Amino acid sequence: MYENKLYLHFKPQISRRKVTASCLLGICLDSGDVVEGDGIAEASATNIHMAIHNTMAPKIQSVMHTHTPYATALACLEDSRVRMVHQNSMRFFGKIAYDSDYEGLPDVEDEGPRLARMLGDKEILMMGNHGVLAVGHNAAYAFDSLYYLEKACLFQVLAMSAGTKLHEKPDNIAKKVAESFDAITVYADRHLDGLKKHLARQEPHFMS
């Protein structure tokens, strides 16, 4: 009945390090109700994910939101732009939207649609004073984007700490690098598969 109309969300009452497959909740994208698993969905997460899934489906099958330290640190600056100073930054050329209108927790119904509008047709949303969000055609792509965006933000924050001018590359170079990354279609799947195999060896209970 709910096939292709669910998104997965872990129980907010559980430490992230203890999340396993059986901890996930299936949230109906039409109603926001928990229809699989036992628990209560976190309202702000539901508002964000439902709005973006419903706005961008079927093109987008995965929405990931996190507060990774360097991307979030950059989002806390008045100028939170990801600068084209490293190839990990350039892979996101033209793919990042910026939201600087933070007004509180996204636990009101109109905040999710607002964030979806801010994201538009981009793949990354830098959420000012909050965190970062990535979308993709599958979970591997969205995860890979978040992973390398965090690397890009780490390099940028460290470079900014030197107190000298950033060495930014022009748009034509950044665009060429982004197109080169776009042509590589298998790395994201291999990245996530590799991590899953590592977890299966180190902490096999994550599948339980």
N, C-alpha and C. Protein backbone atom coordinates (compact mmCIF):
# COMPACT_ATOMS: atom_id res chain seq x y z
N MET A 1 0.82 -1.22 0.00
CA MET A 1 0.00 0.00 0.00
C MET A 1 0.85 1.26 0.00
N TYR A 2 1.97 1.22 0.72
CA TYR A 2 2.79 2.41 0.86
C TYR A 2 4.05 2.37 0.00
N GLU A 3 4.11 1.44 -0.93
CA GLU A 3 5.30 1.29 -1.75
C GLU A 3 5.63 2.59 -2.48
N ASN A 4 6.88 3.00 -2.37
CA ASN A 4 7.40 4.21 -3.02
C ASN A 4 6.82 5.49 -2.46
N LYS A 5 6.13 5.43 -1.34
CA LYS A 5 5.58 6.63 -0.73
C LYS A 5 6.06 6.80 0.71
N LEU A 6 7.19 6.19 1.04
CA LEU A 6 7.74 6.28 2.39
C LEU A 6 9.11 6.95 2.35
N TYR A 7 9.45 7.56 3.45
CA TYR A 7 10.86 7.89 3.65
C TYR A 7 11.29 7.31 4.98
N LEU A 8 12.56 6.96 5.10
CA LEU A 8 13.08 6.32 6.30
C LEU A 8 13.68 7.37 7.23
N HIS A 9 13.39 7.20 8.51
CA HIS A 9 13.82 8.16 9.51
C HIS A 9 14.14 7.38 10.78
N PHE A 10 15.30 7.67 11.40
CA PHE A 10 15.61 6.93 12.63
C PHE A 10 14.92 7.57 13.82
N LYS A 11 14.67 6.76 14.82
CA LYS A 11 13.97 7.25 16.01
C LYS A 11 14.83 8.31 16.70
N PRO A 12 14.28 9.49 16.92
CA PRO A 12 15.08 10.56 17.51
C PRO A 12 15.51 10.29 18.95
N GLN A 13 14.87 9.33 19.61
CA GLN A 13 15.21 9.03 21.00
C GLN A 13 16.46 8.16 21.12
N ILE A 14 17.02 7.71 20.01
CA ILE A 14 18.14 6.77 20.02
C ILE A 14 19.42 7.47 19.58
N SER A 15 20.51 7.18 20.29
CA SER A 15 21.80 7.73 19.91
C SER A 15 22.15 7.29 18.49
N ARG A 16 22.71 8.21 17.70
CA ARG A 16 23.04 7.89 16.31
C ARG A 16 24.01 6.72 16.21
N ARG A 17 24.87 6.55 17.18
CA ARG A 17 25.84 5.46 17.14
C ARG A 17 25.19 4.11 17.39
N LYS A 18 23.95 4.12 17.87
CA LYS A 18 23.25 2.87 18.17
C LYS A 18 22.16 2.56 17.16
N VAL A 19 22.05 3.35 16.11
CA VAL A 19 20.99 3.13 15.12
C VAL A 19 21.30 1.88 14.30
N THR A 20 20.32 1.00 14.19
CA THR A 20 20.40 -0.18 13.33
C THR A 20 19.21 -0.16 12.38
N ALA A 21 19.17 -1.12 11.46
CA ALA A 21 18.09 -1.15 10.48
C ALA A 21 16.72 -1.22 11.13
N SER A 22 16.61 -1.96 12.23
CA SER A 22 15.32 -2.12 12.89
C SER A 22 14.88 -0.87 13.65
N CYS A 23 15.78 0.10 13.80
CA CYS A 23 15.43 1.36 14.47
C CYS A 23 14.75 2.35 13.53
N LEU A 24 14.76 2.08 12.24
CA LEU A 24 14.23 3.03 11.28
C LEU A 24 12.71 3.02 11.28
N LEU A 25 12.15 4.18 11.07
CA LEU A 25 10.72 4.34 10.95
C LEU A 25 10.37 4.62 9.49
N GLY A 26 9.25 4.08 9.02
CA GLY A 26 8.74 4.40 7.70
C GLY A 26 7.68 5.48 7.83
N ILE A 27 7.95 6.64 7.23
CA ILE A 27 7.04 7.78 7.33
C ILE A 27 6.30 7.95 6.01
N CYS A 28 4.98 8.00 6.06
CA CYS A 28 4.18 8.19 4.85
C CYS A 28 4.39 9.61 4.33
N LEU A 29 4.76 9.73 3.06
CA LEU A 29 5.04 11.03 2.48
C LEU A 29 3.77 11.84 2.22
N ASP A 30 2.62 11.21 2.28
CA ASP A 30 1.36 11.94 2.09
C ASP A 30 0.85 12.54 3.40
N SER A 31 0.95 11.76 4.48
CA SER A 31 0.34 12.18 5.74
C SER A 31 1.34 12.56 6.83
N GLY A 32 2.57 12.05 6.72
CA GLY A 32 3.54 12.25 7.78
C GLY A 32 3.40 11.27 8.92
N ASP A 33 2.51 10.30 8.78
CA ASP A 33 2.28 9.31 9.83
C ASP A 33 3.34 8.22 9.79
N VAL A 34 3.64 7.65 10.95
CA VAL A 34 4.51 6.48 11.03
C VAL A 34 3.70 5.26 10.62
N VAL A 35 4.09 4.61 9.54
CA VAL A 35 3.34 3.45 9.04
C VAL A 35 4.18 2.17 9.10
N GLU A 36 5.46 2.30 9.40
CA GLU A 36 6.31 1.13 9.61
C GLU A 36 7.22 1.42 10.79
N GLY A 37 7.38 0.42 11.64
CA GLY A 37 8.22 0.59 12.82
C GLY A 37 7.42 1.13 13.99
N ASP A 38 8.09 1.21 15.12
CA ASP A 38 7.44 1.63 16.36
C ASP A 38 8.17 2.82 16.94
N GLY A 39 7.52 3.97 16.97
CA GLY A 39 8.15 5.17 17.50
C GLY A 39 7.46 6.42 17.00
N ILE A 40 7.99 7.55 17.39
CA ILE A 40 7.43 8.85 17.02
C ILE A 40 8.44 9.59 16.16
N ALA A 41 7.99 10.08 15.02
CA ALA A 41 8.87 10.84 14.14
C ALA A 41 9.11 12.23 14.70
N GLU A 42 10.29 12.76 14.46
CA GLU A 42 10.63 14.12 14.90
C GLU A 42 10.01 15.11 13.91
N ALA A 43 9.21 16.05 14.44
CA ALA A 43 8.37 16.90 13.59
C ALA A 43 9.17 17.73 12.60
N SER A 44 10.27 18.34 13.04
CA SER A 44 11.01 19.21 12.13
C SER A 44 11.62 18.42 10.98
N ALA A 45 12.13 17.22 11.28
CA ALA A 45 12.70 16.39 10.22
C ALA A 45 11.62 15.97 9.22
N THR A 46 10.45 15.62 9.74
CA THR A 46 9.36 15.21 8.86
C THR A 46 8.95 16.35 7.94
N ASN A 47 8.87 17.56 8.47
CA ASN A 47 8.48 18.70 7.64
C ASN A 47 9.47 18.94 6.51
N ILE A 48 10.76 18.85 6.83
CA ILE A 48 11.79 19.07 5.81
C ILE A 48 11.75 17.99 4.74
N HIS A 49 11.80 16.73 5.17
CA HIS A 49 11.92 15.63 4.22
C HIS A 49 10.67 15.46 3.37
N MET A 50 9.50 15.57 3.98
CA MET A 50 8.26 15.41 3.21
C MET A 50 8.17 16.45 2.10
N ALA A 51 8.45 17.70 2.43
CA ALA A 51 8.30 18.78 1.45
C ALA A 51 9.24 18.58 0.27
N ILE A 52 10.49 18.22 0.55
CA ILE A 52 11.46 18.09 -0.53
C ILE A 52 11.20 16.84 -1.36
N HIS A 53 10.87 15.73 -0.70
CA HIS A 53 10.53 14.52 -1.46
C HIS A 53 9.33 14.77 -2.36
N ASN A 54 8.30 15.38 -1.82
CA ASN A 54 7.08 15.58 -2.60
C ASN A 54 7.25 16.61 -3.70
N THR A 55 8.17 17.54 -3.50
CA THR A 55 8.42 18.56 -4.52
C THR A 55 9.28 18.03 -5.66
N MET A 56 10.27 17.18 -5.33
CA MET A 56 11.28 16.80 -6.31
C MET A 56 11.13 15.38 -6.85
N ALA A 57 10.19 14.59 -6.31
CA ALA A 57 9.98 13.24 -6.82
C ALA A 57 9.41 13.32 -8.25
N PRO A 58 9.71 12.33 -9.10
CA PRO A 58 10.50 11.12 -8.84
C PRO A 58 12.00 11.28 -9.11
N LYS A 59 12.43 12.47 -9.50
CA LYS A 59 13.83 12.68 -9.82
C LYS A 59 14.71 12.42 -8.60
N ILE A 60 14.24 12.83 -7.44
CA ILE A 60 15.01 12.69 -6.21
C ILE A 60 14.43 11.56 -5.37
N GLN A 61 15.27 10.62 -4.98
CA GLN A 61 14.84 9.48 -4.16
C GLN A 61 15.47 9.50 -2.77
N SER A 62 16.39 10.42 -2.53
CA SER A 62 17.05 10.47 -1.22
C SER A 62 17.27 11.92 -0.82
N VAL A 63 16.92 12.23 0.44
CA VAL A 63 17.15 13.53 1.03
C VAL A 63 17.89 13.31 2.35
N MET A 64 19.05 13.90 2.50
CA MET A 64 19.82 13.73 3.73
C MET A 64 20.13 15.10 4.32
N HIS A 65 19.92 15.22 5.62
CA HIS A 65 20.17 16.47 6.32
C HIS A 65 21.04 16.18 7.53
N THR A 66 22.07 17.01 7.73
CA THR A 66 22.98 16.76 8.83
C THR A 66 23.58 18.08 9.32
N HIS A 67 24.31 17.99 10.43
CA HIS A 67 24.98 19.14 11.02
C HIS A 67 26.48 18.84 11.13
N THR A 68 27.08 18.38 10.05
CA THR A 68 28.51 18.09 10.08
C THR A 68 29.28 19.36 10.44
N PRO A 69 30.38 19.24 11.18
CA PRO A 69 30.99 20.42 11.81
C PRO A 69 31.48 21.50 10.87
N TYR A 70 32.17 21.16 9.79
CA TYR A 70 32.75 22.21 8.95
C TYR A 70 31.72 22.84 8.02
N ALA A 71 30.81 22.05 7.47
CA ALA A 71 29.75 22.62 6.64
C ALA A 71 28.85 23.50 7.50
N THR A 72 28.55 23.05 8.71
CA THR A 72 27.71 23.85 9.60
C THR A 72 28.42 25.11 10.05
N ALA A 73 29.73 25.01 10.33
CA ALA A 73 30.49 26.20 10.69
C ALA A 73 30.43 27.24 9.58
N LEU A 74 30.58 26.79 8.34
CA LEU A 74 30.50 27.70 7.21
C LEU A 74 29.10 28.31 7.10
N ALA A 75 28.07 27.50 7.37
CA ALA A 75 26.69 27.98 7.32
C ALA A 75 26.39 29.01 8.40
N CYS A 76 27.25 29.07 9.42
CA CYS A 76 27.06 30.03 10.50
C CYS A 76 27.70 31.39 10.20
N LEU A 77 28.40 31.49 9.08
CA LEU A 77 29.02 32.75 8.71
C LEU A 77 28.04 33.61 7.92
N GLU A 78 28.23 34.92 7.97
CA GLU A 78 27.38 35.82 7.18
C GLU A 78 27.52 35.51 5.70
N ASP A 79 28.73 35.21 5.28
CA ASP A 79 28.97 34.77 3.90
C ASP A 79 29.31 33.29 3.95
N SER A 80 28.32 32.46 3.66
CA SER A 80 28.49 31.01 3.80
C SER A 80 28.79 30.33 2.47
N ARG A 81 29.21 31.09 1.48
CA ARG A 81 29.46 30.49 0.18
C ARG A 81 30.62 29.49 0.20
N VAL A 82 30.42 28.38 -0.49
CA VAL A 82 31.50 27.43 -0.70
C VAL A 82 32.36 27.99 -1.83
N ARG A 83 33.59 28.32 -1.53
CA ARG A 83 34.49 28.96 -2.50
C ARG A 83 35.17 27.91 -3.36
N MET A 84 35.45 28.26 -4.59
CA MET A 84 36.07 27.34 -5.53
C MET A 84 37.60 27.32 -5.34
N VAL A 85 38.02 26.76 -4.19
CA VAL A 85 39.44 26.77 -3.85
C VAL A 85 40.07 25.38 -3.87
N HIS A 86 39.26 24.35 -4.07
CA HIS A 86 39.78 22.98 -4.06
C HIS A 86 38.89 22.15 -4.97
N GLN A 87 39.43 21.06 -5.51
CA GLN A 87 38.63 20.25 -6.42
C GLN A 87 37.39 19.66 -5.75
N ASN A 88 37.47 19.42 -4.43
CA ASN A 88 36.27 18.96 -3.73
C ASN A 88 35.20 20.04 -3.69
N SER A 89 35.61 21.29 -3.74
CA SER A 89 34.65 22.40 -3.82
C SER A 89 34.09 22.52 -5.23
N MET A 90 34.97 22.39 -6.22
CA MET A 90 34.57 22.61 -7.61
C MET A 90 33.60 21.57 -8.13
N ARG A 91 33.60 20.40 -7.54
CA ARG A 91 32.63 19.38 -7.97
C ARG A 91 31.20 19.85 -7.74
N PHE A 92 31.01 20.83 -6.84
CA PHE A 92 29.67 21.34 -6.52
C PHE A 92 29.37 22.66 -7.22
N PHE A 93 30.19 23.04 -8.19
CA PHE A 93 29.96 24.29 -8.90
C PHE A 93 28.56 24.30 -9.53
N GLY A 94 27.79 25.33 -9.22
CA GLY A 94 26.44 25.47 -9.77
C GLY A 94 25.40 24.56 -9.15
N LYS A 95 25.76 23.85 -8.09
CA LYS A 95 24.84 22.86 -7.51
C LYS A 95 24.40 23.21 -6.09
N ILE A 96 24.82 24.37 -5.58
CA ILE A 96 24.55 24.72 -4.19
C ILE A 96 23.61 25.91 -4.11
N ALA A 97 22.57 25.77 -3.28
CA ALA A 97 21.66 26.88 -2.95
C ALA A 97 21.95 27.32 -1.52
N TYR A 98 21.62 28.55 -1.22
CA TYR A 98 21.92 29.12 0.10
C TYR A 98 20.66 29.71 0.72
N ASP A 99 20.44 29.38 1.99
CA ASP A 99 19.30 29.92 2.73
C ASP A 99 19.83 30.70 3.92
N SER A 100 19.60 31.99 3.95
CA SER A 100 20.07 32.83 5.05
C SER A 100 18.92 33.38 5.89
N ASP A 101 17.73 32.77 5.75
CA ASP A 101 16.54 33.30 6.42
C ASP A 101 16.08 32.43 7.59
N TYR A 102 17.04 31.89 8.32
CA TYR A 102 16.70 31.05 9.48
C TYR A 102 15.88 31.85 10.50
N GLU A 103 14.75 31.26 10.94
CA GLU A 103 13.89 31.93 11.93
C GLU A 103 13.51 31.02 13.09
N GLY A 104 14.08 29.83 13.14
CA GLY A 104 13.76 28.92 14.23
C GLY A 104 13.67 27.48 13.75
N LEU A 105 13.31 26.58 14.66
CA LEU A 105 13.21 25.17 14.31
C LEU A 105 12.17 24.95 13.22
N PRO A 106 12.47 24.05 12.28
CA PRO A 106 11.53 23.80 11.17
C PRO A 106 10.38 22.88 11.58
N ASP A 107 9.73 23.20 12.71
CA ASP A 107 8.64 22.34 13.19
C ASP A 107 7.27 22.92 12.87
N VAL A 108 7.23 23.90 11.98
CA VAL A 108 5.96 24.43 11.50
C VAL A 108 5.77 23.99 10.06
N GLU A 109 4.54 23.79 9.64
CA GLU A 109 4.27 23.15 8.37
C GLU A 109 4.79 23.92 7.16
N ASP A 110 4.86 25.25 7.24
CA ASP A 110 5.27 26.00 6.06
C ASP A 110 6.78 26.08 5.89
N GLU A 111 7.55 25.64 6.89
CA GLU A 111 9.01 25.72 6.79
C GLU A 111 9.56 24.72 5.79
N GLY A 112 9.00 23.51 5.75
CA GLY A 112 9.45 22.51 4.78
C GLY A 112 9.29 22.98 3.34
N PRO A 113 8.09 23.44 2.95
CA PRO A 113 7.93 23.97 1.59
C PRO A 113 8.85 25.16 1.30
N ARG A 114 9.10 26.01 2.30
CA ARG A 114 10.00 27.14 2.08
C ARG A 114 11.41 26.65 1.75
N LEU A 115 11.89 25.65 2.50
CA LEU A 115 13.22 25.09 2.24
C LEU A 115 13.27 24.42 0.86
N ALA A 116 12.18 23.76 0.48
CA ALA A 116 12.13 23.13 -0.84
C ALA A 116 12.24 24.20 -1.93
N ARG A 117 11.60 25.34 -1.72
CA ARG A 117 11.70 26.43 -2.70
C ARG A 117 13.12 27.00 -2.74
N MET A 118 13.74 27.11 -1.58
CA MET A 118 15.11 27.62 -1.54
C MET A 118 16.07 26.68 -2.26
N LEU A 119 15.86 25.37 -2.11
CA LEU A 119 16.72 24.38 -2.78
C LEU A 119 16.55 24.46 -4.29
N GLY A 120 15.32 24.63 -4.74
CA GLY A 120 15.06 24.72 -6.18
C GLY A 120 15.52 23.49 -6.91
N ASP A 121 16.33 23.68 -7.95
CA ASP A 121 16.82 22.55 -8.73
C ASP A 121 18.26 22.18 -8.38
N LYS A 122 18.75 22.68 -7.24
CA LYS A 122 20.12 22.39 -6.82
C LYS A 122 20.18 21.05 -6.08
N GLU A 123 21.40 20.61 -5.78
CA GLU A 123 21.61 19.34 -5.09
C GLU A 123 21.99 19.52 -3.62
N ILE A 124 22.45 20.71 -3.27
CA ILE A 124 22.90 21.01 -1.91
C ILE A 124 22.20 22.28 -1.44
N LEU A 125 21.78 22.29 -0.17
CA LEU A 125 21.27 23.51 0.44
C LEU A 125 22.08 23.80 1.69
N MET A 126 22.81 24.92 1.65
CA MET A 126 23.50 25.40 2.85
C MET A 126 22.46 26.16 3.67
N MET A 127 22.13 25.62 4.84
CA MET A 127 21.06 26.14 5.66
C MET A 127 21.65 27.06 6.73
N GLY A 128 21.56 28.35 6.50
CA GLY A 128 22.17 29.32 7.38
C GLY A 128 21.78 29.14 8.83
N ASN A 129 22.76 29.21 9.74
CA ASN A 129 22.55 29.06 11.18
C ASN A 129 21.96 27.71 11.56
N HIS A 130 22.14 26.72 10.68
CA HIS A 130 21.49 25.42 10.94
C HIS A 130 22.37 24.25 10.54
N GLY A 131 22.57 24.02 9.25
CA GLY A 131 23.31 22.83 8.82
C GLY A 131 23.35 22.75 7.31
N VAL A 132 23.25 21.54 6.78
CA VAL A 132 23.36 21.33 5.34
C VAL A 132 22.44 20.19 4.94
N LEU A 133 21.99 20.23 3.69
CA LEU A 133 21.08 19.21 3.17
C LEU A 133 21.52 18.84 1.77
N ALA A 134 21.41 17.56 1.43
CA ALA A 134 21.77 17.08 0.10
C ALA A 134 20.68 16.17 -0.43
N VAL A 135 20.49 16.20 -1.74
CA VAL A 135 19.51 15.32 -2.38
C VAL A 135 20.22 14.54 -3.48
N GLY A 136 19.61 13.42 -3.86
CA GLY A 136 20.20 12.61 -4.92
C GLY A 136 19.21 11.60 -5.46
N HIS A 137 19.58 11.00 -6.59
CA HIS A 137 18.71 9.99 -7.20
C HIS A 137 18.73 8.69 -6.41
N ASN A 138 19.71 8.54 -5.52
CA ASN A 138 19.71 7.42 -4.60
C ASN A 138 20.49 7.82 -3.34
N ALA A 139 20.46 6.95 -2.33
CA ALA A 139 21.10 7.26 -1.06
C ALA A 139 22.60 7.40 -1.20
N ALA A 140 23.20 6.59 -2.06
CA ALA A 140 24.65 6.64 -2.24
C ALA A 140 25.08 8.01 -2.76
N TYR A 141 24.34 8.56 -3.72
CA TYR A 141 24.71 9.85 -4.30
C TYR A 141 24.59 10.96 -3.26
N ALA A 142 23.49 10.97 -2.51
CA ALA A 142 23.30 12.02 -1.49
C ALA A 142 24.37 11.91 -0.41
N PHE A 143 24.68 10.69 0.01
CA PHE A 143 25.72 10.50 1.03
C PHE A 143 27.08 10.95 0.52
N ASP A 144 27.41 10.56 -0.71
CA ASP A 144 28.70 10.93 -1.28
C ASP A 144 28.83 12.45 -1.38
N SER A 145 27.75 13.12 -1.73
CA SER A 145 27.76 14.57 -1.81
C SER A 145 28.03 15.19 -0.44
N LEU A 146 27.34 14.71 0.58
CA LEU A 146 27.56 15.24 1.92
C LEU A 146 28.98 14.98 2.40
N TYR A 147 29.50 13.81 2.09
CA TYR A 147 30.86 13.45 2.52
C TYR A 147 31.89 14.42 1.92
N TYR A 148 31.81 14.63 0.61
CA TYR A 148 32.81 15.46 -0.04
C TYR A 148 32.53 16.96 0.15
N LEU A 149 31.29 17.33 0.39
CA LEU A 149 31.03 18.72 0.76
C LEU A 149 31.68 19.04 2.10
N GLU A 150 31.61 18.12 3.04
CA GLU A 150 32.25 18.34 4.33
C GLU A 150 33.76 18.48 4.17
N LYS A 151 34.35 17.67 3.29
CA LYS A 151 35.78 17.81 3.01
C LYS A 151 36.08 19.18 2.43
N ALA A 152 35.25 19.63 1.49
CA ALA A 152 35.46 20.94 0.87
C ALA A 152 35.37 22.05 1.91
N CYS A 153 34.40 21.95 2.80
CA CYS A 153 34.23 22.98 3.83
C CYS A 153 35.38 22.93 4.83
N LEU A 154 35.87 21.74 5.14
CA LEU A 154 37.02 21.61 6.04
C LEU A 154 38.22 22.35 5.45
N PHE A 155 38.54 22.09 4.18
CA PHE A 155 39.68 22.73 3.55
C PHE A 155 39.50 24.25 3.52
N GLN A 156 38.27 24.69 3.25
CA GLN A 156 38.02 26.12 3.17
C GLN A 156 38.18 26.79 4.53
N VAL A 157 37.61 26.19 5.57
CA VAL A 157 37.73 26.78 6.91
C VAL A 157 39.19 26.82 7.35
N LEU A 158 39.93 25.75 7.08
CA LEU A 158 41.35 25.74 7.45
C LEU A 158 42.13 26.80 6.65
N ALA A 159 41.83 26.94 5.37
CA ALA A 159 42.51 27.93 4.55
C ALA A 159 42.17 29.35 5.03
N MET A 160 40.91 29.57 5.40
CA MET A 160 40.50 30.89 5.90
C MET A 160 41.20 31.23 7.20
N SER A 161 41.53 30.20 7.99
CA SER A 161 42.17 30.45 9.28
C SER A 161 43.60 30.97 9.12
N ALA A 162 44.17 30.82 7.93
CA ALA A 162 45.52 31.33 7.68
C ALA A 162 45.55 32.85 7.61
N GLY A 163 44.39 33.45 7.41
CA GLY A 163 44.31 34.90 7.42
C GLY A 163 44.79 35.57 6.15
N THR A 164 45.01 34.81 5.11
CA THR A 164 45.42 35.39 3.83
C THR A 164 44.33 35.15 2.79
N LYS A 165 44.45 35.77 1.64
CA LYS A 165 43.43 35.69 0.61
C LYS A 165 43.32 34.28 0.04
N LEU A 166 42.08 33.81 -0.12
CA LEU A 166 41.87 32.50 -0.71
C LEU A 166 42.22 32.53 -2.20
N HIS A 167 42.78 31.43 -2.68
CA HIS A 167 43.14 31.32 -4.09
C HIS A 167 41.99 30.66 -4.84
N GLU A 168 41.01 31.45 -5.22
CA GLU A 168 39.83 30.92 -5.90
C GLU A 168 40.09 30.78 -7.39
N LYS A 169 39.53 29.72 -7.97
CA LYS A 169 39.66 29.48 -9.40
C LYS A 169 38.45 30.08 -10.12
N PRO A 170 38.61 30.49 -11.36
CA PRO A 170 37.51 31.10 -12.11
C PRO A 170 36.41 30.09 -12.45
N ASP A 171 35.27 30.63 -12.84
CA ASP A 171 34.10 29.78 -13.10
C ASP A 171 34.36 28.73 -14.18
N ASN A 172 35.10 29.10 -15.22
CA ASN A 172 35.31 28.14 -16.31
C ASN A 172 36.10 26.93 -15.86
N ILE A 173 37.05 27.11 -14.94
CA ILE A 173 37.81 25.98 -14.40
C ILE A 173 36.92 25.15 -13.48
N ALA A 174 36.19 25.82 -12.59
CA ALA A 174 35.32 25.11 -11.66
C ALA A 174 34.25 24.32 -12.41
N LYS A 175 33.71 24.91 -13.47
CA LYS A 175 32.68 24.22 -14.27
C LYS A 175 33.26 22.98 -14.93
N LYS A 176 34.48 23.08 -15.43
CA LYS A 176 35.12 21.92 -16.07
C LYS A 176 35.34 20.79 -15.07
N VAL A 177 35.77 21.14 -13.86
CA VAL A 177 35.97 20.12 -12.83
C VAL A 177 34.64 19.47 -12.46
N ALA A 178 33.59 20.27 -12.31
CA ALA A 178 32.27 19.73 -11.98
C ALA A 178 31.79 18.77 -13.06
N GLU A 179 32.00 19.11 -14.31
CA GLU A 179 31.59 18.25 -15.41
C GLU A 179 32.38 16.94 -15.42
N SER A 180 33.65 17.02 -15.03
CA SER A 180 34.46 15.80 -14.94
C SER A 180 33.91 14.87 -13.87
N PHE A 181 33.53 15.44 -12.72
CA PHE A 181 32.94 14.61 -11.67
C PHE A 181 31.59 14.04 -12.11
N ASP A 182 30.81 14.83 -12.85
CA ASP A 182 29.50 14.36 -13.31
C ASP A 182 29.63 13.14 -14.23
N ALA A 183 30.74 13.06 -14.93
CA ALA A 183 30.96 11.96 -15.87
C ALA A 183 31.31 10.66 -15.16
N ILE A 184 31.67 10.76 -13.88
CA ILE A 184 32.01 9.56 -13.11
C ILE A 184 30.76 9.10 -12.37
N THR A 185 30.14 8.04 -12.83
CA THR A 185 28.82 7.66 -12.32
C THR A 185 28.84 6.51 -11.32
N VAL A 186 29.99 5.90 -11.08
CA VAL A 186 30.01 4.70 -10.25
C VAL A 186 30.62 4.93 -8.88
N TYR A 187 31.32 6.04 -8.69
CA TYR A 187 32.07 6.22 -7.45
C TYR A 187 31.18 6.31 -6.22
N ALA A 188 30.06 6.98 -6.32
CA ALA A 188 29.18 7.14 -5.15
C ALA A 188 28.69 5.78 -4.65
N ASP A 189 28.25 4.92 -5.58
CA ASP A 189 27.77 3.59 -5.18
C ASP A 189 28.90 2.78 -4.56
N ARG A 190 30.09 2.86 -5.14
CA ARG A 190 31.23 2.10 -4.61
C ARG A 190 31.64 2.64 -3.24
N HIS A 191 31.55 3.96 -3.06
CA HIS A 191 31.89 4.58 -1.78
C HIS A 191 31.00 4.04 -0.67
N LEU A 192 29.69 4.07 -0.89
CA LEU A 192 28.77 3.59 0.14
C LEU A 192 28.88 2.09 0.33
N ASP A 193 29.03 1.34 -0.76
CA ASP A 193 29.19 -0.11 -0.64
C ASP A 193 30.42 -0.46 0.18
N GLY A 194 31.52 0.29 -0.04
CA GLY A 194 32.75 0.04 0.72
C GLY A 194 32.55 0.29 2.21
N LEU A 195 31.85 1.35 2.54
CA LEU A 195 31.59 1.64 3.95
C LEU A 195 30.69 0.59 4.58
N LYS A 196 29.71 0.13 3.84
CA LYS A 196 28.82 -0.91 4.35
C LYS A 196 29.58 -2.21 4.61
N LYS A 197 30.51 -2.55 3.72
CA LYS A 197 31.32 -3.76 3.92
C LYS A 197 32.22 -3.60 5.14
N HIS A 198 32.78 -2.40 5.32
CA HIS A 198 33.61 -2.14 6.50
C HIS A 198 32.78 -2.28 7.77
N LEU A 199 31.58 -1.70 7.78
CA LEU A 199 30.70 -1.82 8.94
C LEU A 199 30.32 -3.27 9.19
N ALA A 200 30.08 -4.02 8.12
CA ALA A 200 29.69 -5.43 8.27
C ALA A 200 30.78 -6.22 8.97
N ARG A 201 32.04 -5.84 8.76
CA ARG A 201 33.15 -6.51 9.43
C ARG A 201 33.32 -6.02 10.87
N GLN A 202 33.19 -4.70 11.06
CA GLN A 202 33.49 -4.11 12.36
C GLN A 202 32.29 -4.11 13.31
N GLU A 203 31.11 -3.83 12.78
CA GLU A 203 29.91 -3.72 13.61
C GLU A 203 28.72 -4.33 12.87
N PRO A 204 28.72 -5.66 12.69
CA PRO A 204 27.70 -6.30 11.87
C PRO A 204 26.28 -6.13 12.40
N HIS A 205 26.13 -5.73 13.66
CA HIS A 205 24.79 -5.58 14.21
C HIS A 205 24.02 -4.42 13.57
N PHE A 206 24.71 -3.56 12.78
CA PHE A 206 23.99 -2.41 12.19
C PHE A 206 22.90 -2.87 11.24
N MET A 207 23.01 -4.11 10.74
CA MET A 207 22.01 -4.64 9.81
C MET A 207 20.81 -5.24 10.53
N SER A 208 20.89 -5.36 11.84
CA SER A 208 19.83 -6.05 12.57
C SER A 208 18.58 -5.18 12.75
